[in-house]
């Protein structure tokens, strides 16, 4: 008994639709600015953090960028007060990822 037969047994009144499913996963394009984004290193409460600031687009795009960076680096972080705060010193990797996405970056401190 395959999955379709099991579903028919569970939901006998359900009518199977032959319409093609819409592919909604449209990739969002980020606003690429002319001014460089600032990538700096700080110690907060004794722990190393990388801070990215200087994005001129809307906050929702910056939040998406933060999520993408955290997923690619497999680290924790947050978006707060117009800055992305990443746990650990990942300046070089973050700058490489941002440059691959078309952003200009500027390294500040150390």
PDB file of N, CA and C in Angstrom:
ATOM      1  N   UNK A   1       0.853  -1.174   0.000  1.00  0.00           N
ATOM      2  CA  UNK A   1       0.000   0.000   0.000  1.00  0.00           C
ATOM      3  C   UNK A   1       0.903   1.242   0.000  1.00  0.00           C
ATOM      4  N   UNK A   2       0.721   2.065  -1.009  1.00  0.00           N
ATOM      5  CA  UNK A   2       1.562   3.255  -1.091  1.00  0.00           C
ATOM      6  C   UNK A   2       0.908   4.431  -0.369  1.00  0.00           C
ATOM      7  N   UNK A   3       1.570   5.559  -0.386  1.00  0.00           N
ATOM      8  CA  UNK A   3       1.111   6.738   0.340  1.00  0.00           C
ATOM      9  C   UNK A   3      -0.238   7.248  -0.170  1.00  0.00           C
ATOM     10  N   UNK A   4      -0.445   7.223  -1.485  1.00  0.00           N
ATOM     11  CA  UNK A   4      -1.713   7.695  -2.058  1.00  0.00           C
ATOM     12  C   UNK A   4      -2.887   6.858  -1.539  1.00  0.00           C
ATOM     13  N   UNK A   5      -2.713   5.537  -1.467  1.00  0.00           N
ATOM     14  CA  UNK A   5      -3.779   4.664  -0.962  1.00  0.00           C
ATOM     15  C   UNK A   5      -4.048   4.920   0.516  1.00  0.00           C
ATOM     16  N   UNK A   6      -3.005   5.143   1.282  1.00  0.00           N
ATOM     17  CA  UNK A   6      -3.173   5.430   2.705  1.00  0.00           C
ATOM     18  C   UNK A   6      -3.925   6.734   2.908  1.00  0.00           C
ATOM     19  N   UNK A   7      -3.587   7.752   2.097  1.00  0.00           N
ATOM     20  CA  UNK A   7      -4.285   9.032   2.208  1.00  0.00           C
ATOM     21  C   UNK A   7      -5.753   8.899   1.815  1.00  0.00           C
ATOM     22  N   UNK A   8      -6.045   8.069   0.790  1.00  0.00           N
ATOM     23  CA  UNK A   8      -7.442   7.854   0.384  1.00  0.00           C
ATOM     24  C   UNK A   8      -8.230   7.186   1.496  1.00  0.00           C
ATOM     25  N   UNK A   9      -7.583   6.261   2.220  1.00  0.00           N
ATOM     26  CA  UNK A   9      -8.253   5.604   3.338  1.00  0.00           C
ATOM     27  C   UNK A   9      -8.517   6.570   4.483  1.00  0.00           C
ATOM     28  N   UNK A  10      -7.564   7.469   4.732  1.00  0.00           N
ATOM     29  CA  UNK A  10      -7.728   8.430   5.828  1.00  0.00           C
ATOM     30  C   UNK A  10      -8.718   9.534   5.481  1.00  0.00           C
ATOM     31  N   UNK A  11      -8.695   9.998   4.230  1.00  0.00           N
ATOM     32  CA  UNK A  11      -9.538  11.109   3.794  1.00  0.00           C
ATOM     33  C   UNK A  11     -10.327  10.697   2.552  1.00  0.00           C
ATOM     34  N   UNK A  12     -11.408   9.943   2.726  1.00  0.00           N
ATOM     35  CA  UNK A  12     -12.129   9.441   1.554  1.00  0.00           C
ATOM     36  C   UNK A  12     -12.853  10.527   0.749  1.00  0.00           C
ATOM     37  N   UNK A  13     -13.177  11.667   1.370  1.00  0.00           N
ATOM     38  CA  UNK A  13     -13.914  12.725   0.666  1.00  0.00           C
ATOM     39  C   UNK A  13     -12.999  13.682  -0.086  1.00  0.00           C
ATOM     40  N   UNK A  14     -11.715  13.545   0.076  1.00  0.00           N
ATOM     41  CA  UNK A  14     -10.763  14.471  -0.551  1.00  0.00           C
ATOM     42  C   UNK A  14     -10.674  14.225  -2.052  1.00  0.00           C
ATOM     43  N   UNK A  15     -10.730  15.318  -2.810  1.00  0.00           N
ATOM     44  CA  UNK A  15     -10.618  15.243  -4.261  1.00  0.00           C
ATOM     45  C   UNK A  15      -9.207  15.676  -4.649  1.00  0.00           C
ATOM     46  N   UNK A  16      -8.514  14.853  -5.406  1.00  0.00           N
ATOM     47  CA  UNK A  16      -7.138  15.143  -5.801  1.00  0.00           C
ATOM     48  C   UNK A  16      -7.155  16.134  -6.949  1.00  0.00           C
ATOM     49  N   UNK A  17      -6.403  17.190  -6.805  1.00  0.00           N
ATOM     50  CA  UNK A  17      -6.325  18.241  -7.809  1.00  0.00           C
ATOM     51  C   UNK A  17      -5.202  17.925  -8.789  1.00  0.00           C
ATOM     52  N   UNK A  18      -5.463  18.124 -10.076  1.00  0.00           N
ATOM     53  CA  UNK A  18      -4.445  17.897 -11.101  1.00  0.00           C
ATOM     54  C   UNK A  18      -3.774  19.189 -11.535  1.00  0.00           C
ATOM     55  N   UNK A  19      -4.075  20.295 -10.851  1.00  0.00           N
ATOM     56  CA  UNK A  19      -3.468  21.577 -11.188  1.00  0.00           C
ATOM     57  C   UNK A  19      -2.001  21.580 -10.755  1.00  0.00           C
ATOM     58  N   UNK A  20      -1.143  22.180 -11.568  1.00  0.00           N
ATOM     59  CA  UNK A  20       0.263  22.249 -11.160  1.00  0.00           C
ATOM     60  C   UNK A  20       0.433  23.188  -9.976  1.00  0.00           C
ATOM     61  N   UNK A  21       1.327  22.802  -9.081  1.00  0.00           N
ATOM     62  CA  UNK A  21       1.588  23.637  -7.910  1.00  0.00           C
ATOM     63  C   UNK A  21       2.443  24.823  -8.310  1.00  0.00           C
ATOM     64  N   UNK A  22       2.140  25.973  -7.720  1.00  0.00           N
ATOM     65  CA  UNK A  22       2.914  27.176  -8.009  1.00  0.00           C
ATOM     66  C   UNK A  22       4.197  27.155  -7.202  1.00  0.00           C
ATOM     67  N   UNK A  23       5.276  27.531  -7.846  1.00  0.00           N
ATOM     68  CA  UNK A  23       6.559  27.618  -7.158  1.00  0.00           C
ATOM     69  C   UNK A  23       6.704  29.039  -6.635  1.00  0.00           C
ATOM     70  N   UNK A  24       6.439  29.217  -5.342  1.00  0.00           N
ATOM     71  CA  UNK A  24       6.411  30.545  -4.736  1.00  0.00           C
ATOM     72  C   UNK A  24       7.792  30.992  -4.260  1.00  0.00           C
ATOM     73  N   UNK A  25       8.734  30.081  -4.154  1.00  0.00           N
ATOM     74  CA  UNK A  25      10.041  30.423  -3.605  1.00  0.00           C
ATOM     75  C   UNK A  25      10.835  31.302  -4.583  1.00  0.00           C
ATOM     76  N   UNK A  26      10.484  32.563  -4.617  1.00  0.00           N
ATOM     77  CA  UNK A  26      11.163  33.538  -5.464  1.00  0.00           C
ATOM     78  C   UNK A  26      12.283  34.164  -4.643  1.00  0.00           C
ATOM     79  N   UNK A  27      13.480  34.160  -5.183  1.00  0.00           N
ATOM     80  CA  UNK A  27      14.626  34.675  -4.439  1.00  0.00           C
ATOM     81  C   UNK A  27      14.563  36.195  -4.384  1.00  0.00           C
ATOM     82  N   UNK A  28      14.750  36.723  -3.178  1.00  0.00           N
ATOM     83  CA  UNK A  28      14.669  38.160  -2.949  1.00  0.00           C
ATOM     84  C   UNK A  28      16.003  38.810  -3.290  1.00  0.00           C
ATOM     85  N   UNK A  29      15.972  39.904  -4.050  1.00  0.00           N
ATOM     86  CA  UNK A  29      17.191  40.615  -4.407  1.00  0.00           C
ATOM     87  C   UNK A  29      17.466  41.705  -3.376  1.00  0.00           C
ATOM     88  N   UNK A  30      18.670  41.720  -2.841  1.00  0.00           N
ATOM     89  CA  UNK A  30      19.063  42.730  -1.863  1.00  0.00           C
ATOM     90  C   UNK A  30      19.507  44.005  -2.575  1.00  0.00           C
ATOM     91  N   UNK A  31      19.285  45.133  -1.934  1.00  0.00           N
ATOM     92  CA  UNK A  31      19.720  46.419  -2.449  1.00  0.00           C
ATOM     93  C   UNK A  31      21.227  46.528  -2.272  1.00  0.00           C
ATOM     94  N   UNK A  32      21.946  46.666  -3.378  1.00  0.00           N
ATOM     95  CA  UNK A  32      23.406  46.800  -3.323  1.00  0.00           C
ATOM     96  C   UNK A  32      23.738  48.281  -3.408  1.00  0.00           C
ATOM     97  N   UNK A  33      24.406  48.779  -2.406  1.00  0.00           N
ATOM     98  CA  UNK A  33      24.677  50.205  -2.276  1.00  0.00           C
ATOM     99  C   UNK A  33      26.062  50.560  -2.800  1.00  0.00           C
ATOM    100  N   UNK A  34      26.281  51.850  -2.981  1.00  0.00           N
ATOM    101  CA  UNK A  34      27.576  52.328  -3.459  1.00  0.00           C
ATOM    102  C   UNK A  34      28.577  52.476  -2.312  1.00  0.00           C
ATOM    103  N   UNK A  35      28.100  52.899  -1.150  1.00  0.00           N
ATOM    104  CA  UNK A  35      28.976  53.087   0.011  1.00  0.00           C
ATOM    105  C   UNK A  35      29.335  51.727   0.616  1.00  0.00           C
ATOM    106  N   UNK A  36      30.553  51.572   1.134  1.00  0.00           N
ATOM    107  CA  UNK A  36      30.939  50.278   1.718  1.00  0.00           C
ATOM    108  C   UNK A  36      30.262  50.031   3.065  1.00  0.00           C
ATOM    109  N   UNK A  37      30.034  48.763   3.346  1.00  0.00           N
ATOM    110  CA  UNK A  37      29.506  48.368   4.646  1.00  0.00           C
ATOM    111  C   UNK A  37      30.681  48.230   5.601  1.00  0.00           C
ATOM    112  N   UNK A  38      30.502  48.639   6.835  1.00  0.00           N
ATOM    113  CA  UNK A  38      31.556  48.631   7.846  1.00  0.00           C
ATOM    114  C   UNK A  38      31.531  47.283   8.567  1.00  0.00           C
ATOM    115  N   UNK A  39      32.672  46.614   8.612  1.00  0.00           N
ATOM    116  CA  UNK A  39      32.805  45.333   9.293  1.00  0.00           C
ATOM    117  C   UNK A  39      33.865  45.507  10.371  1.00  0.00           C
ATOM    118  N   UNK A  40      33.454  45.496  11.644  1.00  0.00           N
ATOM    119  CA  UNK A  40      34.417  45.741  12.714  1.00  0.00           C
ATOM    120  C   UNK A  40      34.341  44.663  13.792  1.00  0.00           C
ATOM    121  N   UNK A  41      35.399  44.587  14.560  1.00  0.00           N
ATOM    122  CA  UNK A  41      35.552  43.606  15.625  1.00  0.00           C
ATOM    123  C   UNK A  41      35.496  44.314  16.966  1.00  0.00           C
ATOM    124  N   UNK A  42      34.729  43.763  17.890  1.00  0.00           N
ATOM    125  CA  UNK A  42      34.646  44.312  19.244  1.00  0.00           C
ATOM    126  C   UNK A  42      34.612  43.162  20.233  1.00  0.00           C
ATOM    127  N   UNK A  43      34.956  43.470  21.456  1.00  0.00           N
ATOM    128  CA  UNK A  43      34.748  42.518  22.540  1.00  0.00           C
ATOM    129  C   UNK A  43      33.628  43.070  23.404  1.00  0.00           C
ATOM    130  N   UNK A  44      32.600  42.273  23.550  1.00  0.00           N
ATOM    131  CA  UNK A  44      31.471  42.656  24.393  1.00  0.00           C
ATOM    132  C   UNK A  44      31.360  41.631  25.509  1.00  0.00           C
ATOM    133  N   UNK A  45      31.442  42.106  26.731  1.00  0.00           N
ATOM    134  CA  UNK A  45      31.429  41.251  27.914  1.00  0.00           C
ATOM    135  C   UNK A  45      32.511  40.182  27.825  1.00  0.00           C
ATOM    136  N   UNK A  46      33.664  40.563  27.267  1.00  0.00           N
ATOM    137  CA  UNK A  46      34.796  39.667  27.180  1.00  0.00           C
ATOM    138  C   UNK A  46      34.751  38.683  26.024  1.00  0.00           C
ATOM    139  N   UNK A  47      33.688  38.710  25.231  1.00  0.00           N
ATOM    140  CA  UNK A  47      33.558  37.760  24.130  1.00  0.00           C
ATOM    141  C   UNK A  47      33.718  38.475  22.796  1.00  0.00           C
ATOM    142  N   UNK A  48      34.369  37.842  21.823  1.00  0.00           N
ATOM    143  CA  UNK A  48      34.567  38.485  20.518  1.00  0.00           C
ATOM    144  C   UNK A  48      33.268  38.542  19.718  1.00  0.00           C
ATOM    145  N   UNK A  49      33.011  39.684  19.096  1.00  0.00           N
ATOM    146  CA  UNK A  49      31.848  39.849  18.230  1.00  0.00           C
ATOM    147  C   UNK A  49      32.267  40.593  16.970  1.00  0.00           C
ATOM    148  N   UNK A  50      31.599  40.294  15.887  1.00  0.00           N
ATOM    149  CA  UNK A  50      31.799  40.984  14.625  1.00  0.00           C
ATOM    150  C   UNK A  50      30.542  41.789  14.352  1.00  0.00           C
ATOM    151  N   UNK A  51      30.716  43.069  14.047  1.00  0.00           N
ATOM    152  CA  UNK A  51      29.577  43.969  13.851  1.00  0.00           C
ATOM    153  C   UNK A  51      29.606  44.497  12.427  1.00  0.00           C
ATOM    154  N   UNK A  52      28.482  44.354  11.728  1.00  0.00           N
ATOM    155  CA  UNK A  52      28.342  44.854  10.359  1.00  0.00           C
ATOM    156  C   UNK A  52      27.321  45.972  10.391  1.00  0.00           C
ATOM    157  N   UNK A  53      27.694  47.132   9.880  1.00  0.00           N
ATOM    158  CA  UNK A  53      26.791  48.281   9.869  1.00  0.00           C
ATOM    159  C   UNK A  53      26.968  49.046   8.566  1.00  0.00           C
ATOM    160  N   UNK A  54      26.126  50.042   8.370  1.00  0.00           N
ATOM    161  CA  UNK A  54      26.256  50.903   7.210  1.00  0.00           C
ATOM    162  C   UNK A  54      25.395  50.499   6.039  1.00  0.00           C
ATOM    163  N   UNK A  55      24.373  49.672   6.241  1.00  0.00           N
ATOM    164  CA  UNK A  55      23.484  49.274   5.153  1.00  0.00           C
ATOM    165  C   UNK A  55      22.458  50.374   4.935  1.00  0.00           C
ATOM    166  N   UNK A  56      22.249  50.772   3.684  1.00  0.00           N
ATOM    167  CA  UNK A  56      21.354  51.887   3.370  1.00  0.00           C
ATOM    168  C   UNK A  56      19.970  51.448   2.921  1.00  0.00           C
ATOM    169  N   UNK A  57      19.750  50.154   2.731  1.00  0.00           N
ATOM    170  CA  UNK A  57      18.448  49.647   2.290  1.00  0.00           C
ATOM    171  C   UNK A  57      17.467  49.568   3.450  1.00  0.00           C
ATOM    172  N   UNK A  58      16.360  48.866   3.222  1.00  0.00           N
ATOM    173  CA  UNK A  58      15.354  48.725   4.272  1.00  0.00           C
ATOM    174  C   UNK A  58      15.791  47.670   5.281  1.00  0.00           C
ATOM    175  N   UNK A  59      15.242  47.757   6.493  1.00  0.00           N
ATOM    176  CA  UNK A  59      15.650  46.869   7.579  1.00  0.00           C
ATOM    177  C   UNK A  59      15.333  45.407   7.283  1.00  0.00           C
ATOM    178  N   UNK A  60      14.235  45.140   6.580  1.00  0.00           N
ATOM    179  CA  UNK A  60      13.876  43.752   6.288  1.00  0.00           C
ATOM    180  C   UNK A  60      14.939  43.074   5.427  1.00  0.00           C
ATOM    181  N   UNK A  61      15.516  43.819   4.467  1.00  0.00           N
ATOM    182  CA  UNK A  61      16.585  43.266   3.648  1.00  0.00           C
ATOM    183  C   UNK A  61      17.823  42.982   4.496  1.00  0.00           C
ATOM    184  N   UNK A  62      18.109  43.885   5.430  1.00  0.00           N
ATOM    185  CA  UNK A  62      19.278  43.711   6.303  1.00  0.00           C
ATOM    186  C   UNK A  62      19.079  42.497   7.210  1.00  0.00           C
ATOM    187  N   UNK A  63      17.836  42.269   7.656  1.00  0.00           N
ATOM    188  CA  UNK A  63      17.536  41.091   8.467  1.00  0.00           C
ATOM    189  C   UNK A  63      17.730  39.818   7.657  1.00  0.00           C
ATOM    190  N   UNK A  64      17.313  39.832   6.391  1.00  0.00           N
ATOM    191  CA  UNK A  64      17.525  38.669   5.527  1.00  0.00           C
ATOM    192  C   UNK A  64      19.015  38.397   5.322  1.00  0.00           C
ATOM    193  N   UNK A  65      19.772  39.470   5.173  1.00  0.00           N
ATOM    194  CA  UNK A  65      21.225  39.332   5.024  1.00  0.00           C
ATOM    195  C   UNK A  65      21.837  38.741   6.297  1.00  0.00           C
ATOM    196  N   UNK A  66      21.350  39.188   7.453  1.00  0.00           N
ATOM    197  CA  UNK A  66      21.844  38.659   8.725  1.00  0.00           C
ATOM    198  C   UNK A  66      21.556  37.163   8.831  1.00  0.00           C
ATOM    199  N   UNK A  67      20.361  36.770   8.446  1.00  0.00           N
ATOM    200  CA  UNK A  67      19.982  35.364   8.505  1.00  0.00           C
ATOM    201  C   UNK A  67      20.852  34.532   7.567  1.00  0.00           C
ATOM    202  N   UNK A  68      21.097  35.047   6.379  1.00  0.00           N
ATOM    203  CA  UNK A  68      21.931  34.342   5.411  1.00  0.00           C
ATOM    204  C   UNK A  68      23.360  34.178   5.929  1.00  0.00           C
ATOM    205  N   UNK A  69      23.918  35.239   6.507  1.00  0.00           N
ATOM    206  CA  UNK A  69      25.277  35.162   7.047  1.00  0.00           C
ATOM    207  C   UNK A  69      25.361  34.158   8.196  1.00  0.00           C
ATOM    208  N   UNK A  70      24.386  34.193   9.090  1.00  0.00           N
ATOM    209  CA  UNK A  70      24.397  33.272  10.225  1.00  0.00           C
ATOM    210  C   UNK A  70      24.281  31.826   9.766  1.00  0.00           C
ATOM    211  N   UNK A  71      23.453  31.578   8.735  1.00  0.00           N
ATOM    212  CA  UNK A  71      23.313  30.210   8.227  1.00  0.00           C
ATOM    213  C   UNK A  71      24.585  29.732   7.542  1.00  0.00           C
ATOM    214  N   UNK A  72      25.208  30.583   6.737  1.00  0.00           N
ATOM    215  CA  UNK A  72      26.407  30.167   6.013  1.00  0.00           C
ATOM    216  C   UNK A  72      27.596  29.961   6.940  1.00  0.00           C
ATOM    217  N   UNK A  73      27.683  30.750   8.008  1.00  0.00           N
ATOM    218  CA  UNK A  73      28.794  30.625   8.944  1.00  0.00           C
ATOM    219  C   UNK A  73      28.500  29.659  10.091  1.00  0.00           C
ATOM    220  N   UNK A  74      27.237  29.267  10.246  1.00  0.00           N
ATOM    221  CA  UNK A  74      26.800  28.380  11.324  1.00  0.00           C
ATOM    222  C   UNK A  74      27.167  28.951  12.696  1.00  0.00           C
ATOM    223  N   UNK A  75      26.821  30.231  12.890  1.00  0.00           N
ATOM    224  CA  UNK A  75      27.086  30.900  14.160  1.00  0.00           C
ATOM    225  C   UNK A  75      25.821  31.601  14.626  1.00  0.00           C
ATOM    226  N   UNK A  76      25.845  32.058  15.854  1.00  0.00           N
ATOM    227  CA  UNK A  76      24.747  32.823  16.394  1.00  0.00           C
ATOM    228  C   UNK A  76      24.949  34.301  16.139  1.00  0.00           C
ATOM    229  N   UNK A  77      23.881  35.042  16.267  1.00  0.00           N
ATOM    230  CA  UNK A  77      23.964  36.476  16.072  1.00  0.00           C
ATOM    231  C   UNK A  77      22.584  37.085  16.124  1.00  0.00           C
ATOM    232  N   UNK A  78      22.537  38.400  15.904  1.00  0.00           N
ATOM    233  CA  UNK A  78      21.269  39.109  15.961  1.00  0.00           C
ATOM    234  C   UNK A  78      21.322  40.342  15.074  1.00  0.00           C
ATOM    235  N   UNK A  79      20.150  40.901  14.832  1.00  0.00           N
ATOM    236  CA  UNK A  79      20.025  42.171  14.141  1.00  0.00           C
ATOM    237  C   UNK A  79      19.445  43.147  15.152  1.00  0.00           C
ATOM    238  N   UNK A  80      20.197  44.204  15.458  1.00  0.00           N
ATOM    239  CA  UNK A  80      19.738  45.135  16.482  1.00  0.00           C
ATOM    240  C   UNK A  80      20.228  46.541  16.151  1.00  0.00           C
ATOM    241  N   UNK A  81      19.352  47.524  16.223  1.00  0.00           N
ATOM    242  CA  UNK A  81      19.688  48.941  16.045  1.00  0.00           C
ATOM    243  C   UNK A  81      20.427  49.215  14.732  1.00  0.00           C
ATOM    244  N   UNK A  82      19.994  48.573  13.650  1.00  0.00           N
ATOM    245  CA  UNK A  82      20.605  48.810  12.350  1.00  0.00           C
ATOM    246  C   UNK A  82      21.968  48.171  12.174  1.00  0.00           C
ATOM    247  N   UNK A  83      22.303  47.187  13.019  1.00  0.00           N
ATOM    248  CA  UNK A  83      23.582  46.494  12.936  1.00  0.00           C
ATOM    249  C   UNK A  83      23.350  44.994  13.008  1.00  0.00           C
ATOM    250  N   UNK A  84      24.204  44.257  12.336  1.00  0.00           N
ATOM    251  CA  UNK A  84      24.221  42.803  12.477  1.00  0.00           C
ATOM    252  C   UNK A  84      25.347  42.474  13.436  1.00  0.00           C
ATOM    253  N   UNK A  85      25.027  41.747  14.489  1.00  0.00           N
ATOM    254  CA  UNK A  85      26.018  41.367  15.492  1.00  0.00           C
ATOM    255  C   UNK A  85      26.183  39.853  15.417  1.00  0.00           C
ATOM    256  N   UNK A  86      27.384  39.419  15.037  1.00  0.00           N
ATOM    257  CA  UNK A  86      27.694  38.004  14.883  1.00  0.00           C
ATOM    258  C   UNK A  86      28.631  37.583  16.011  1.00  0.00           C
ATOM    259  N   UNK A  87      28.359  36.436  16.625  1.00  0.00           N
ATOM    260  CA  UNK A  87      29.206  35.936  17.703  1.00  0.00           C
ATOM    261  C   UNK A  87      30.494  35.381  17.125  1.00  0.00           C
ATOM    262  N   UNK A  88      31.618  35.886  17.578  1.00  0.00           N
ATOM    263  CA  UNK A  88      32.928  35.413  17.125  1.00  0.00           C
ATOM    264  C   UNK A  88      33.570  36.383  16.154  1.00  0.00           C
ATOM    265  N   UNK A  89      34.852  36.162  15.879  1.00  0.00           N
ATOM    266  CA  UNK A  89      35.615  37.007  14.958  1.00  0.00           C
ATOM    267  C   UNK A  89      35.607  36.357  13.577  1.00  0.00           C
ATOM    268  N   UNK A  90      34.663  36.777  12.741  1.00  0.00           N
ATOM    269  CA  UNK A  90      34.501  36.223  11.402  1.00  0.00           C
ATOM    270  C   UNK A  90      34.612  37.313  10.346  1.00  0.00           C
ATOM    271  N   UNK A  91      35.402  38.348  10.606  1.00  0.00           N
ATOM    272  CA  UNK A  91      35.480  39.483   9.681  1.00  0.00           C
ATOM    273  C   UNK A  91      35.872  39.059   8.275  1.00  0.00           C
ATOM    274  N   UNK A  92      36.906  38.254   8.146  1.00  0.00           N
ATOM    275  CA  UNK A  92      37.391  37.881   6.820  1.00  0.00           C
ATOM    276  C   UNK A  92      36.345  37.079   6.044  1.00  0.00           C
ATOM    277  N   UNK A  93      35.723  36.100   6.696  1.00  0.00           N
ATOM    278  CA  UNK A  93      34.712  35.283   6.030  1.00  0.00           C
ATOM    279  C   UNK A  93      33.488  36.118   5.659  1.00  0.00           C
ATOM    280  N   UNK A  94      33.065  37.002   6.566  1.00  0.00           N
ATOM    281  CA  UNK A  94      31.894  37.841   6.305  1.00  0.00           C
ATOM    282  C   UNK A  94      32.172  38.797   5.154  1.00  0.00           C
ATOM    283  N   UNK A  95      33.355  39.398   5.157  1.00  0.00           N
ATOM    284  CA  UNK A  95      33.697  40.317   4.077  1.00  0.00           C
ATOM    285  C   UNK A  95      33.742  39.581   2.743  1.00  0.00           C
ATOM    286  N   UNK A  96      34.233  38.370   2.713  1.00  0.00           N
ATOM    287  CA  UNK A  96      34.271  37.574   1.482  1.00  0.00           C
ATOM    288  C   UNK A  96      32.850  37.272   1.003  1.00  0.00           C
ATOM    289  N   UNK A  97      31.962  36.867   1.926  1.00  0.00           N
ATOM    290  CA  UNK A  97      30.572  36.568   1.557  1.00  0.00           C
ATOM    291  C   UNK A  97      29.857  37.811   1.043  1.00  0.00           C
ATOM    292  N   UNK A  98      30.082  38.955   1.694  1.00  0.00           N
ATOM    293  CA  UNK A  98      29.442  40.194   1.258  1.00  0.00           C
ATOM    294  C   UNK A  98      29.955  40.616  -0.119  1.00  0.00           C
ATOM    295  N   UNK A  99      31.242  40.470  -0.352  1.00  0.00           N
ATOM    296  CA  UNK A  99      31.805  40.838  -1.649  1.00  0.00           C
ATOM    297  C   UNK A  99      31.304  39.900  -2.744  1.00  0.00           C
ATOM    298  N   UNK A 100      31.075  38.638  -2.417  1.00  0.00           N
ATOM    299  CA  UNK A 100      30.513  37.706  -3.388  1.00  0.00           C
ATOM    300  C   UNK A 100      29.083  38.092  -3.763  1.00  0.00           C
ATOM    301  N   UNK A 101      28.367  38.739  -2.833  1.00  0.00           N
ATOM    302  CA  UNK A 101      27.004  39.208  -3.105  1.00  0.00           C
ATOM    303  C   UNK A 101      26.973  40.575  -3.768  1.00  0.00           C
ATOM    304  N   UNK A 102      28.133  41.179  -4.014  1.00  0.00           N
ATOM    305  CA  UNK A 102      28.202  42.454  -4.718  1.00  0.00           C
ATOM    306  C   UNK A 102      28.344  43.676  -3.835  1.00  0.00           C
ATOM    307  N   UNK A 103      28.479  43.486  -2.521  1.00  0.00           N
ATOM    308  CA  UNK A 103      28.629  44.611  -1.601  1.00  0.00           C
ATOM    309  C   UNK A 103      30.086  45.036  -1.521  1.00  0.00           C
ATOM    310  N   UNK A 104      30.298  46.322  -1.250  1.00  0.00           N
ATOM    311  CA  UNK A 104      31.627  46.813  -0.946  1.00  0.00           C
ATOM    312  C   UNK A 104      31.768  46.788   0.570  1.00  0.00           C
ATOM    313  N   UNK A 105      32.945  46.411   1.042  1.00  0.00           N
ATOM    314  CA  UNK A 105      33.147  46.332   2.489  1.00  0.00           C
ATOM    315  C   UNK A 105      34.373  47.108   2.903  1.00  0.00           C
ATOM    316  N   UNK A 106      34.378  47.505   4.161  1.00  0.00           N
ATOM    317  CA  UNK A 106      35.509  48.227   4.731  1.00  0.00           C
ATOM    318  C   UNK A 106      35.784  47.609   6.095  1.00  0.00           C
ATOM    319  N   UNK A 107      37.036  47.203   6.297  1.00  0.00           N
ATOM    320  CA  UNK A 107      37.430  46.603   7.565  1.00  0.00           C
ATOM    321  C   UNK A 107      37.872  47.701   8.521  1.00  0.00           C
ATOM    322  N   UNK A 108      37.314  47.690   9.732  1.00  0.00           N
ATOM    323  CA  UNK A 108      37.635  48.699  10.734  1.00  0.00           C
ATOM    324  C   UNK A 108      38.192  47.999  11.954  1.00  0.00           C
ATOM    325  N   UNK A 109      39.333  48.478  12.447  1.00  0.00           N
ATOM    326  CA  UNK A 109      39.917  47.947  13.664  1.00  0.00           C
ATOM    327  C   UNK A 109      40.687  46.663  13.436  1.00  0.00           C
ATOM    328  N   UNK A 110      41.920  46.666  13.845  1.00  0.00           N
ATOM    329  CA  UNK A 110      42.755  45.467  13.826  1.00  0.00           C
ATOM    330  C   UNK A 110      42.998  44.870  12.520  1.00  0.00           C
TER     331      UNK A 110
END
